[in-house]
Amino acid sequence: MCNKGHGESELRSPEGIAFHPERSVLYVADTGNNRVQVLERNGAYLDSIGPKGKHAKGTVRFRKIGPTASQLNQPTDVAVTITRIVVADSGNHKVKVKCALVCVTVAYTG
């Protein structure tokens, strides 16, 4: 479905996946690329969430609420509801929730 790499529809150490409950969309915690990729069921690239550093075209960003709020560092899992995306942002020791255009850190250790 996807090849190893850094580009669109390419993954490095994917760990968690979730399907959107109403759309045929797959969310993949692309741990090695510090992002969550949004893909069609056939693996075609749609979007990405929070790549560290330069944001790719079409990237959905978490609104910056702190120094690293808009960046993901080794996301290991993702859950999706109709209105929210929840990401286990392991490298930042946080759980991030995306609602509309707002990111909220709901748990933090470290």
PDB file of N, CA and C in Angstrom:
ATOM      1  N   MET A   1       0.821  -1.185   0.000  1.00  0.00           N
ATOM      2  CA  MET A   1       0.000   0.000   0.000  1.00  0.00           C
ATOM      3  C   MET A   1       0.869   1.255   0.000  1.00  0.00           C
ATOM      4  N   CYS A   2       1.838   1.358   0.902  1.00  0.00           N
ATOM      5  CA  CYS A   2       2.729   2.519   0.977  1.00  0.00           C
ATOM      6  C   CYS A   2       4.166   2.019   0.999  1.00  0.00           C
ATOM      7  N   ASN A   3       5.070   2.825   0.468  1.00  0.00           N
ATOM      8  CA  ASN A   3       6.488   2.496   0.481  1.00  0.00           C
ATOM      9  C   ASN A   3       7.179   3.189   1.644  1.00  0.00           C
ATOM     10  N   LYS A   4       8.414   2.747   1.924  1.00  0.00           N
ATOM     11  CA  LYS A   4       9.226   3.377   2.958  1.00  0.00           C
ATOM     12  C   LYS A   4       9.781   4.691   2.419  1.00  0.00           C
ATOM     13  N   GLY A   5       9.718   5.747   3.236  1.00  0.00           N
ATOM     14  CA  GLY A   5      10.288   7.018   2.812  1.00  0.00           C
ATOM     15  C   GLY A   5       9.726   8.188   3.577  1.00  0.00           C
ATOM     16  N   HIS A   6       9.986   9.396   3.035  1.00  0.00           N
ATOM     17  CA  HIS A   6       9.592  10.638   3.696  1.00  0.00           C
ATOM     18  C   HIS A   6       8.513  11.401   2.937  1.00  0.00           C
ATOM     19  N   GLY A   7       8.154  10.981   1.746  1.00  0.00           N
ATOM     20  CA  GLY A   7       7.222  11.735   0.917  1.00  0.00           C
ATOM     21  C   GLY A   7       5.770  11.404   1.201  1.00  0.00           C
ATOM     22  N   GLU A   8       4.911  11.939   0.347  1.00  0.00           N
ATOM     23  CA  GLU A   8       3.476  11.672   0.462  1.00  0.00           C
ATOM     24  C   GLU A   8       3.228  10.187   0.239  1.00  0.00           C
ATOM     25  N   SER A   9       2.401   9.586   1.065  1.00  0.00           N
ATOM     26  CA  SER A   9       2.074   8.155   1.033  1.00  0.00           C
ATOM     27  C   SER A   9       3.275   7.260   1.304  1.00  0.00           C
ATOM     28  N   GLU A  10       4.360   7.820   1.829  1.00  0.00           N
ATOM     29  CA  GLU A  10       5.506   7.024   2.243  1.00  0.00           C
ATOM     30  C   GLU A  10       5.585   7.074   3.764  1.00  0.00           C
ATOM     31  N   LEU A  11       5.966   5.952   4.364  1.00  0.00           N
ATOM     32  CA  LEU A  11       5.942   5.827   5.817  1.00  0.00           C
ATOM     33  C   LEU A  11       7.293   5.379   6.352  1.00  0.00           C
ATOM     34  N   ARG A  12       7.588   5.786   7.582  1.00  0.00           N
ATOM     35  CA  ARG A  12       8.740   5.295   8.333  1.00  0.00           C
ATOM     36  C   ARG A  12       8.248   4.913   9.722  1.00  0.00           C
ATOM     37  N   SER A  13       8.282   3.660  10.015  1.00  0.00           N
ATOM     38  CA  SER A  13       7.869   3.130  11.317  1.00  0.00           C
ATOM     39  C   SER A  13       6.438   3.505  11.685  1.00  0.00           C
ATOM     40  N   PRO A  14       5.463   3.168  10.827  1.00  0.00           N
ATOM     41  CA  PRO A  14       4.065   3.442  11.194  1.00  0.00           C
ATOM     42  C   PRO A  14       3.665   2.575  12.383  1.00  0.00           C
ATOM     43  N   GLU A  15       2.904   3.156  13.320  1.00  0.00           N
ATOM     44  CA  GLU A  15       2.537   2.405  14.516  1.00  0.00           C
ATOM     45  C   GLU A  15       1.042   2.312  14.762  1.00  0.00           C
ATOM     46  N   GLY A  16       0.310   3.407  14.656  1.00  0.00           N
ATOM     47  CA  GLY A  16      -1.120   3.373  14.947  1.00  0.00           C
ATOM     48  C   GLY A  16      -1.934   3.769  13.734  1.00  0.00           C
ATOM     49  N   ILE A  17      -3.136   3.201  13.620  1.00  0.00           N
ATOM     50  CA  ILE A  17      -4.027   3.558  12.518  1.00  0.00           C
ATOM     51  C   ILE A  17      -5.451   3.727  13.035  1.00  0.00           C
ATOM     52  N   ALA A  18      -6.222   4.532  12.319  1.00  0.00           N
ATOM     53  CA  ALA A  18      -7.636   4.721  12.652  1.00  0.00           C
ATOM     54  C   ALA A  18      -8.382   5.088  11.378  1.00  0.00           C
ATOM     55  N   PHE A  19      -9.624   4.630  11.272  1.00  0.00           N
ATOM     56  CA  PHE A  19     -10.494   5.003  10.161  1.00  0.00           C
ATOM     57  C   PHE A  19     -11.473   6.070  10.627  1.00  0.00           C
ATOM     58  N   HIS A  20     -11.711   7.052   9.778  1.00  0.00           N
ATOM     59  CA  HIS A  20     -12.731   8.057  10.074  1.00  0.00           C
ATOM     60  C   HIS A  20     -14.080   7.350  10.066  1.00  0.00           C
ATOM     61  N   PRO A  21     -14.958   7.617  11.041  1.00  0.00           N
ATOM     62  CA  PRO A  21     -16.222   6.887  11.142  1.00  0.00           C
ATOM     63  C   PRO A  21     -17.221   7.162  10.018  1.00  0.00           C
ATOM     64  N   GLU A  22     -17.075   8.264   9.283  1.00  0.00           N
ATOM     65  CA  GLU A  22     -18.042   8.575   8.229  1.00  0.00           C
ATOM     66  C   GLU A  22     -17.433   8.672   6.838  1.00  0.00           C
ATOM     67  N   ARG A  23     -16.129   8.791   6.750  1.00  0.00           N
ATOM     68  CA  ARG A  23     -15.470   8.931   5.459  1.00  0.00           C
ATOM     69  C   ARG A  23     -14.558   7.732   5.233  1.00  0.00           C
ATOM     70  N   SER A  24     -14.253   7.449   3.998  1.00  0.00           N
ATOM     71  CA  SER A  24     -13.329   6.356   3.682  1.00  0.00           C
ATOM     72  C   SER A  24     -11.896   6.870   3.760  1.00  0.00           C
ATOM     73  N   VAL A  25     -11.499   7.265   4.955  1.00  0.00           N
ATOM     74  CA  VAL A  25     -10.197   7.882   5.159  1.00  0.00           C
ATOM     75  C   VAL A  25      -9.465   7.155   6.284  1.00  0.00           C
ATOM     76  N   LEU A  26      -8.183   6.896   6.059  1.00  0.00           N
ATOM     77  CA  LEU A  26      -7.329   6.217   7.019  1.00  0.00           C
ATOM     78  C   LEU A  26      -6.323   7.214   7.597  1.00  0.00           C
ATOM     79  N   TYR A  27      -6.178   7.235   8.913  1.00  0.00           N
ATOM     80  CA  TYR A  27      -5.184   8.065   9.591  1.00  0.00           C
ATOM     81  C   TYR A  27      -4.082   7.138  10.094  1.00  0.00           C
ATOM     82  N   VAL A  28      -2.829   7.438   9.756  1.00  0.00           N
ATOM     83  CA  VAL A  28      -1.701   6.589  10.127  1.00  0.00           C
ATOM     84  C   VAL A  28      -0.707   7.395  10.956  1.00  0.00           C
ATOM     85  N   ALA A  29      -0.399   6.918  12.160  1.00  0.00           N
ATOM     86  CA  ALA A  29       0.654   7.532  12.975  1.00  0.00           C
ATOM     87  C   ALA A  29       1.987   7.130  12.353  1.00  0.00           C
ATOM     88  N   ASP A  30       2.554   8.038  11.572  1.00  0.00           N
ATOM     89  CA  ASP A  30       3.802   7.827  10.839  1.00  0.00           C
ATOM     90  C   ASP A  30       4.953   8.242  11.758  1.00  0.00           C
ATOM     91  N   THR A  31       5.244   7.379  12.710  1.00  0.00           N
ATOM     92  CA  THR A  31       6.137   7.688  13.822  1.00  0.00           C
ATOM     93  C   THR A  31       7.501   8.195  13.365  1.00  0.00           C
ATOM     94  N   GLY A  32       8.119   7.522  12.426  1.00  0.00           N
ATOM     95  CA  GLY A  32       9.459   7.891  11.972  1.00  0.00           C
ATOM     96  C   GLY A  32       9.527   9.206  11.228  1.00  0.00           C
ATOM     97  N   ASN A  33       8.400   9.679  10.702  1.00  0.00           N
ATOM     98  CA  ASN A  33       8.347  10.965  10.006  1.00  0.00           C
ATOM     99  C   ASN A  33       7.709  12.064  10.851  1.00  0.00           C
ATOM    100  N   ASN A  34       7.415  11.776  12.120  1.00  0.00           N
ATOM    101  CA  ASN A  34       6.864  12.768  13.060  1.00  0.00           C
ATOM    102  C   ASN A  34       5.584  13.415  12.551  1.00  0.00           C
ATOM    103  N   ARG A  35       4.666  12.607  12.053  1.00  0.00           N
ATOM    104  CA  ARG A  35       3.419  13.135  11.503  1.00  0.00           C
ATOM    105  C   ARG A  35       2.341  12.060  11.543  1.00  0.00           C
ATOM    106  N   VAL A  36       1.124  12.489  11.276  1.00  0.00           N
ATOM    107  CA  VAL A  36       0.018  11.576  11.016  1.00  0.00           C
ATOM    108  C   VAL A  36      -0.366  11.810   9.564  1.00  0.00           C
ATOM    109  N   GLN A  37      -0.338  10.764   8.766  1.00  0.00           N
ATOM    110  CA  GLN A  37      -0.740  10.902   7.370  1.00  0.00           C
ATOM    111  C   GLN A  37      -2.210  10.542   7.227  1.00  0.00           C
ATOM    112  N   VAL A  38      -2.889  11.265   6.367  1.00  0.00           N
ATOM    113  CA  VAL A  38      -4.289  11.024   6.056  1.00  0.00           C
ATOM    114  C   VAL A  38      -4.323  10.465   4.638  1.00  0.00           C
ATOM    115  N   LEU A  39      -4.825   9.239   4.520  1.00  0.00           N
ATOM    116  CA  LEU A  39      -4.782   8.528   3.252  1.00  0.00           C
ATOM    117  C   LEU A  39      -6.154   8.003   2.862  1.00  0.00           C
ATOM    118  N   GLU A  40      -6.348   7.828   1.556  1.00  0.00           N
ATOM    119  CA  GLU A  40      -7.526   7.106   1.081  1.00  0.00           C
ATOM    120  C   GLU A  40      -7.299   5.632   1.375  1.00  0.00           C
ATOM    121  N   ARG A  41      -8.347   4.837   1.305  1.00  0.00           N
ATOM    122  CA  ARG A  41      -8.218   3.406   1.613  1.00  0.00           C
ATOM    123  C   ARG A  41      -7.206   2.700   0.713  1.00  0.00           C
ATOM    124  N   ASN A  42      -7.001   3.217  -0.499  1.00  0.00           N
ATOM    125  CA  ASN A  42      -6.048   2.598  -1.423  1.00  0.00           C
ATOM    126  C   ASN A  42      -4.619   3.088  -1.198  1.00  0.00           C
ATOM    127  N   GLY A  43      -4.413   3.959  -0.199  1.00  0.00           N
ATOM    128  CA  GLY A  43      -3.085   4.462   0.120  1.00  0.00           C
ATOM    129  C   GLY A  43      -2.745   5.793  -0.514  1.00  0.00           C
ATOM    130  N   ALA A  44      -3.647   6.341  -1.324  1.00  0.00           N
ATOM    131  CA  ALA A  44      -3.394   7.637  -1.960  1.00  0.00           C
ATOM    132  C   ALA A  44      -3.366   8.742  -0.904  1.00  0.00           C
ATOM    133  N   TYR A  45      -2.401   9.646  -1.025  1.00  0.00           N
ATOM    134  CA  TYR A  45      -2.199  10.730  -0.066  1.00  0.00           C
ATOM    135  C   TYR A  45      -3.313  11.760  -0.160  1.00  0.00           C
ATOM    136  N   LEU A  46      -3.839  12.175   1.004  1.00  0.00           N
ATOM    137  CA  LEU A  46      -4.808  13.265   1.088  1.00  0.00           C
ATOM    138  C   LEU A  46      -4.241  14.464   1.838  1.00  0.00           C
ATOM    139  N   ASP A  47      -3.574  14.215   2.964  1.00  0.00           N
ATOM    140  CA  ASP A  47      -3.130  15.301   3.830  1.00  0.00           C
ATOM    141  C   ASP A  47      -2.176  14.738   4.874  1.00  0.00           C
ATOM    142  N   SER A  48      -1.596  15.614   5.687  1.00  0.00           N
ATOM    143  CA  SER A  48      -0.803  15.172   6.829  1.00  0.00           C
ATOM    144  C   SER A  48      -1.018  16.143   7.980  1.00  0.00           C
ATOM    145  N   ILE A  49      -0.765  15.648   9.177  1.00  0.00           N
ATOM    146  CA  ILE A  49      -0.944  16.439  10.387  1.00  0.00           C
ATOM    147  C   ILE A  49       0.389  16.502  11.111  1.00  0.00           C
ATOM    148  N   GLY A  50       0.862  17.730  11.333  1.00  0.00           N
ATOM    149  CA  GLY A  50       1.987  18.002  12.207  1.00  0.00           C
ATOM    150  C   GLY A  50       3.349  17.474  11.868  1.00  0.00           C
ATOM    151  N   PRO A  51       3.789  17.508  10.608  1.00  0.00           N
ATOM    152  CA  PRO A  51       5.172  17.079  10.398  1.00  0.00           C
ATOM    153  C   PRO A  51       6.116  18.050  11.082  1.00  0.00           C
ATOM    154  N   LYS A  52       7.158  17.528  11.690  1.00  0.00           N
ATOM    155  CA  LYS A  52       8.120  18.367  12.399  1.00  0.00           C
ATOM    156  C   LYS A  52       8.895  19.197  11.383  1.00  0.00           C
ATOM    157  N   GLY A  53       9.106  20.464  11.691  1.00  0.00           N
ATOM    158  CA  GLY A  53       9.844  21.340  10.781  1.00  0.00           C
ATOM    159  C   GLY A  53       8.930  21.904   9.714  1.00  0.00           C
ATOM    160  N   LYS A  54       9.387  21.908   8.464  1.00  0.00           N
ATOM    161  CA  LYS A  54       8.633  22.498   7.359  1.00  0.00           C
ATOM    162  C   LYS A  54       7.353  21.706   7.114  1.00  0.00           C
ATOM    163  N   HIS A  55       6.243  22.408   6.984  1.00  0.00           N
ATOM    164  CA  HIS A  55       4.964  21.759   6.746  1.00  0.00           C
ATOM    165  C   HIS A  55       4.763  21.528   5.258  1.00  0.00           C
ATOM    166  N   ALA A  56       4.336  20.347   4.916  1.00  0.00           N
ATOM    167  CA  ALA A  56       4.074  20.014   3.523  1.00  0.00           C
ATOM    168  C   ALA A  56       2.828  20.735   3.034  1.00  0.00           C
ATOM    169  N   LYS A  57       2.707  20.864   1.732  1.00  0.00           N
ATOM    170  CA  LYS A  57       1.514  21.478   1.139  1.00  0.00           C
ATOM    171  C   LYS A  57       0.289  20.679   1.575  1.00  0.00           C
ATOM    172  N   GLY A  58      -0.742  21.383   2.005  1.00  0.00           N
ATOM    173  CA  GLY A  58      -1.973  20.721   2.420  1.00  0.00           C
ATOM    174  C   GLY A  58      -1.946  20.216   3.847  1.00  0.00           C
ATOM    175  N   THR A  59      -0.921  20.541   4.600  1.00  0.00           N
ATOM    176  CA  THR A  59      -0.786  20.041   5.959  1.00  0.00           C
ATOM    177  C   THR A  59      -1.794  20.680   6.902  1.00  0.00           C
ATOM    178  N   VAL A  60      -2.422  19.860   7.718  1.00  0.00           N
ATOM    179  CA  VAL A  60      -3.279  20.346   8.796  1.00  0.00           C
ATOM    180  C   VAL A  60      -2.378  20.570   9.999  1.00  0.00           C
ATOM    181  N   ARG A  61      -2.421  21.748  10.580  1.00  0.00           N
ATOM    182  CA  ARG A  61      -1.578  22.042  11.734  1.00  0.00           C
ATOM    183  C   ARG A  61      -2.424  22.164  12.992  1.00  0.00           C
ATOM    184  N   PHE A  62      -1.846  21.745  14.099  1.00  0.00           N
ATOM    185  CA  PHE A  62      -2.440  22.057  15.383  1.00  0.00           C
ATOM    186  C   PHE A  62      -2.131  23.524  15.644  1.00  0.00           C
ATOM    187  N   ARG A  63      -3.094  24.284  16.138  1.00  0.00           N
ATOM    188  CA  ARG A  63      -2.841  25.691  16.453  1.00  0.00           C
ATOM    189  C   ARG A  63      -1.803  25.758  17.562  1.00  0.00           C
ATOM    190  N   LYS A  64      -0.866  26.677  17.445  1.00  0.00           N
ATOM    191  CA  LYS A  64       0.218  26.784  18.417  1.00  0.00           C
ATOM    192  C   LYS A  64      -0.295  27.352  19.736  1.00  0.00           C
ATOM    193  N   ILE A  65      -0.205  26.557  20.793  1.00  0.00           N
ATOM    194  CA  ILE A  65      -0.619  26.982  22.123  1.00  0.00           C
ATOM    195  C   ILE A  65       0.580  26.932  23.072  1.00  0.00           C
ATOM    196  N   GLY A  66       1.663  26.426  22.627  1.00  0.00           N
ATOM    197  CA  GLY A  66       2.888  26.339  23.414  1.00  0.00           C
ATOM    198  C   GLY A  66       4.053  26.187  22.464  1.00  0.00           C
ATOM    199  N   PRO A  67       5.262  26.051  22.967  1.00  0.00           N
ATOM    200  CA  PRO A  67       6.426  26.022  22.096  1.00  0.00           C
ATOM    201  C   PRO A  67       6.455  24.855  21.123  1.00  0.00           C
ATOM    202  N   THR A  68       5.866  23.717  21.478  1.00  0.00           N
ATOM    203  CA  THR A  68       5.879  22.572  20.569  1.00  0.00           C
ATOM    204  C   THR A  68       4.472  22.091  20.242  1.00  0.00           C
ATOM    205  N   ALA A  69       3.472  22.905  20.485  1.00  0.00           N
ATOM    206  CA  ALA A  69       2.089  22.460  20.302  1.00  0.00           C
ATOM    207  C   ALA A  69       1.777  22.086  18.864  1.00  0.00           C
ATOM    208  N   SER A  70       2.419  22.750  17.893  1.00  0.00           N
ATOM    209  CA  SER A  70       2.094  22.478  16.499  1.00  0.00           C
ATOM    210  C   SER A  70       2.957  21.377  15.906  1.00  0.00           C
ATOM    211  N   GLN A  71       3.903  20.835  16.668  1.00  0.00           N
ATOM    212  CA  GLN A  71       4.780  19.796  16.161  1.00  0.00           C
ATOM    213  C   GLN A  71       4.462  18.463  16.817  1.00  0.00           C
ATOM    214  N   LEU A  72       4.648  17.413  16.045  1.00  0.00           N
ATOM    215  CA  LEU A  72       4.551  16.072  16.595  1.00  0.00           C
ATOM    216  C   LEU A  72       5.955  15.491  16.649  1.00  0.00           C
ATOM    217  N   ASN A  73       6.209  14.704  17.678  1.00  0.00           N
ATOM    218  CA  ASN A  73       7.493  14.046  17.837  1.00  0.00           C
ATOM    219  C   ASN A  73       7.215  12.588  18.152  1.00  0.00           C
ATOM    220  N   GLN A  74       7.401  11.741  17.179  1.00  0.00           N
ATOM    221  CA  GLN A  74       7.163  10.312  17.286  1.00  0.00           C
ATOM    222  C   GLN A  74       5.743   9.975  17.737  1.00  0.00           C
ATOM    223  N   PRO A  75       4.740  10.401  16.977  1.00  0.00           N
ATOM    224  CA  PRO A  75       3.369  10.003  17.319  1.00  0.00           C
ATOM    225  C   PRO A  75       3.226   8.492  17.170  1.00  0.00           C
ATOM    226  N   THR A  76       2.650   7.850  18.175  1.00  0.00           N
ATOM    227  CA  THR A  76       2.566   6.392  18.148  1.00  0.00           C
ATOM    228  C   THR A  76       1.163   5.848  17.944  1.00  0.00           C
ATOM    229  N   ASP A  77       0.153   6.682  18.114  1.00  0.00           N
ATOM    230  CA  ASP A  77      -1.211   6.200  17.902  1.00  0.00           C
ATOM    231  C   ASP A  77      -2.116   7.376  17.569  1.00  0.00           C
ATOM    232  N   VAL A  78      -3.246   7.057  16.967  1.00  0.00           N
ATOM    233  CA  VAL A  78      -4.216   8.075  16.572  1.00  0.00           C
ATOM    234  C   VAL A  78      -5.611   7.479  16.715  1.00  0.00           C
ATOM    235  N   ALA A  79      -6.546   8.298  17.164  1.00  0.00           N
ATOM    236  CA  ALA A  79      -7.959   7.911  17.238  1.00  0.00           C
ATOM    237  C   ALA A  79      -8.761   9.023  16.577  1.00  0.00           C
ATOM    238  N   VAL A  80      -9.858   8.647  15.915  1.00  0.00           N
ATOM    239  CA  VAL A  80     -10.633   9.617  15.147  1.00  0.00           C
ATOM    240  C   VAL A  80     -12.114   9.445  15.455  1.00  0.00           C
ATOM    241  N   THR A  81     -12.792  10.576  15.717  1.00  0.00           N
ATOM    242  CA  THR A  81     -14.248  10.607  15.809  1.00  0.00           C
ATOM    243  C   THR A  81     -14.735  11.536  14.705  1.00  0.00           C
ATOM    244  N   ILE A  82     -16.016  11.775  14.652  1.00  0.00           N
ATOM    245  CA  ILE A  82     -16.564  12.665  13.627  1.00  0.00           C
ATOM    246  C   ILE A  82     -16.000  14.073  13.768  1.00  0.00           C
ATOM    247  N   THR A  83     -15.748  14.518  14.991  1.00  0.00           N
ATOM    248  CA  THR A  83     -15.323  15.902  15.221  1.00  0.00           C
ATOM    249  C   THR A  83     -13.910  16.068  15.768  1.00  0.00           C
ATOM    250  N   ARG A  84     -13.214  14.973  16.087  1.00  0.00           N
ATOM    251  CA  ARG A  84     -11.910  15.090  16.739  1.00  0.00           C
ATOM    252  C   ARG A  84     -10.896  14.103  16.194  1.00  0.00           C
ATOM    253  N   ILE A  85      -9.640  14.529  16.291  1.00  0.00           N
ATOM    254  CA  ILE A  85      -8.506  13.649  16.038  1.00  0.00           C
ATOM    255  C   ILE A  85      -7.656  13.701  17.305  1.00  0.00           C
ATOM    256  N   VAL A  86      -7.370  12.538  17.879  1.00  0.00           N
ATOM    257  CA  VAL A  86      -6.576  12.460  19.099  1.00  0.00           C
ATOM    258  C   VAL A  86      -5.271  11.743  18.758  1.00  0.00           C
ATOM    259  N   VAL A  87      -4.142  12.365  19.108  1.00  0.00           N
ATOM    260  CA  VAL A  87      -2.839  11.812  18.762  1.00  0.00           C
ATOM    261  C   VAL A  87      -2.019  11.584  20.024  1.00  0.00           C
ATOM    262  N   ALA A  88      -1.470  10.373  20.163  1.00  0.00           N
ATOM    263  CA  ALA A  88      -0.505  10.085  21.221  1.00  0.00           C
ATOM    264  C   ALA A  88       0.850  10.582  20.729  1.00  0.00           C
ATOM    265  N   ASP A  89       1.243  11.758  21.194  1.00  0.00           N
ATOM    266  CA  ASP A  89       2.475  12.426  20.774  1.00  0.00           C
ATOM    267  C   ASP A  89       3.591  12.004  21.732  1.00  0.00           C
ATOM    268  N   SER A  90       4.066  10.784  21.563  1.00  0.00           N
ATOM    269  CA  SER A  90       4.957  10.147  22.536  1.00  0.00           C
ATOM    270  C   SER A  90       6.253  10.901  22.777  1.00  0.00           C
ATOM    271  N   GLY A  91       6.890  11.388  21.729  1.00  0.00           N
ATOM    272  CA  GLY A  91       8.163  12.083  21.882  1.00  0.00           C
ATOM    273  C   GLY A  91       8.058  13.390  22.639  1.00  0.00           C
ATOM    274  N   ASN A  92       6.883  14.003  22.628  1.00  0.00           N
ATOM    275  CA  ASN A  92       6.643  15.227  23.400  1.00  0.00           C
ATOM    276  C   ASN A  92       5.949  14.941  24.726  1.00  0.00           C
ATOM    277  N   HIS A  93       5.677  13.659  25.014  1.00  0.00           N
ATOM    278  CA  HIS A  93       5.030  13.232  26.260  1.00  0.00           C
ATOM    279  C   HIS A  93       3.665  13.892  26.431  1.00  0.00           C
ATOM    280  N   LYS A  94       2.879  13.931  25.342  1.00  0.00           N
ATOM    281  CA  LYS A  94       1.578  14.596  25.370  1.00  0.00           C
ATOM    282  C   LYS A  94       0.536  13.792  24.608  1.00  0.00           C
ATOM    283  N   VAL A  95      -0.715  14.077  24.904  1.00  0.00           N
ATOM    284  CA  VAL A  95      -1.840  13.637  24.087  1.00  0.00           C
ATOM    285  C   VAL A  95      -2.438  14.907  23.507  1.00  0.00           C
ATOM    286  N   LYS A  96      -2.564  14.968  22.185  1.00  0.00           N
ATOM    287  CA  LYS A  96      -3.086  16.174  21.535  1.00  0.00           C
ATOM    288  C   LYS A  96      -4.429  15.878  20.896  1.00  0.00           C
ATOM    289  N   VAL A  97      -5.346  16.839  21.022  1.00  0.00           N
ATOM    290  CA  VAL A  97      -6.688  16.712  20.474  1.00  0.00           C
ATOM    291  C   VAL A  97      -6.903  17.838  19.481  1.00  0.00           C
ATOM    292  N   LYS A  98      -7.299  17.485  18.268  1.00  0.00           N
ATOM    293  CA  LYS A  98      -7.597  18.485  17.248  1.00  0.00           C
ATOM    294  C   LYS A  98      -9.106  18.548  17.059  1.00  0.00           C
ATOM    295  N   CYS A  99      -9.686  19.693  17.383  1.00  0.00           N
ATOM    296  CA  CYS A  99     -11.106  19.962  17.184  1.00  0.00           C
ATOM    297  C   CYS A  99     -11.189  21.204  16.320  1.00  0.00           C
ATOM    298  N   ALA A 100     -11.797  21.118  15.172  1.00  0.00           N
ATOM    299  CA  ALA A 100     -11.823  22.242  14.239  1.00  0.00           C
ATOM    300  C   ALA A 100     -10.381  22.657  13.992  1.00  0.00           C
ATOM    301  N   LEU A 101      -9.955  23.860  14.433  1.00  0.00           N
ATOM    302  CA  LEU A 101      -8.575  24.305  14.232  1.00  0.00           C
ATOM    303  C   LEU A 101      -7.840  24.529  15.540  1.00  0.00           C
ATOM    304  N   VAL A 102      -8.257  23.834  16.601  1.00  0.00           N
ATOM    305  CA  VAL A 102      -7.655  24.066  17.910  1.00  0.00           C
ATOM    306  C   VAL A 102      -6.980  22.797  18.402  1.00  0.00           C
ATOM    307  N   CYS A 103      -5.767  22.940  18.914  1.00  0.00           N
ATOM    308  CA  CYS A 103      -5.059  21.825  19.525  1.00  0.00           C
ATOM    309  C   CYS A 103      -5.042  22.042  21.028  1.00  0.00           C
ATOM    310  N   VAL A 104      -5.360  21.008  21.758  1.00  0.00           N
ATOM    311  CA  VAL A 104      -5.346  21.092  23.212  1.00  0.00           C
ATOM    312  C   VAL A 104      -4.512  19.941  23.737  1.00  0.00           C
ATOM    313  N   THR A 105      -3.582  20.227  24.622  1.00  0.00           N
ATOM    314  CA  THR A 105      -2.835  19.171  25.283  1.00  0.00           C
ATOM    315  C   THR A 105      -3.663  18.731  26.476  1.00  0.00           C
ATOM    316  N   VAL A 106      -4.087  17.463  26.460  1.00  0.00           N
ATOM    317  CA  VAL A 106      -4.948  16.981  27.536  1.00  0.00           C
ATOM    318  C   VAL A 106      -4.186  16.164  28.563  1.00  0.00           C
ATOM    319  N   ALA A 107      -2.969  15.771  28.244  1.00  0.00           N
ATOM    320  CA  ALA A 107      -2.148  15.047  29.204  1.00  0.00           C
ATOM    321  C   ALA A 107      -0.698  15.373  28.915  1.00  0.00           C
ATOM    322  N   TYR A 108       0.084  15.467  29.974  1.00  0.00           N
ATOM    323  CA  TYR A 108       1.493  15.822  29.800  1.00  0.00           C
ATOM    324  C   TYR A 108       2.295  15.209  30.931  1.00  0.00           C
ATOM    325  N   THR A 109       3.427  14.591  30.570  1.00  0.00           N
ATOM    326  CA  THR A 109       4.360  14.110  31.584  1.00  0.00           C
ATOM    327  C   THR A 109       5.743  14.587  31.204  1.00  0.00           C
ATOM    328  N   GLY A 110       6.604  14.719  32.155  1.00  0.00           N
ATOM    329  CA  GLY A 110       7.988  15.081  31.854  1.00  0.00           C
ATOM    330  C   GLY A 110       8.292  16.374  32.375  1.00  0.00           C
TER     331      GLY A 110
END
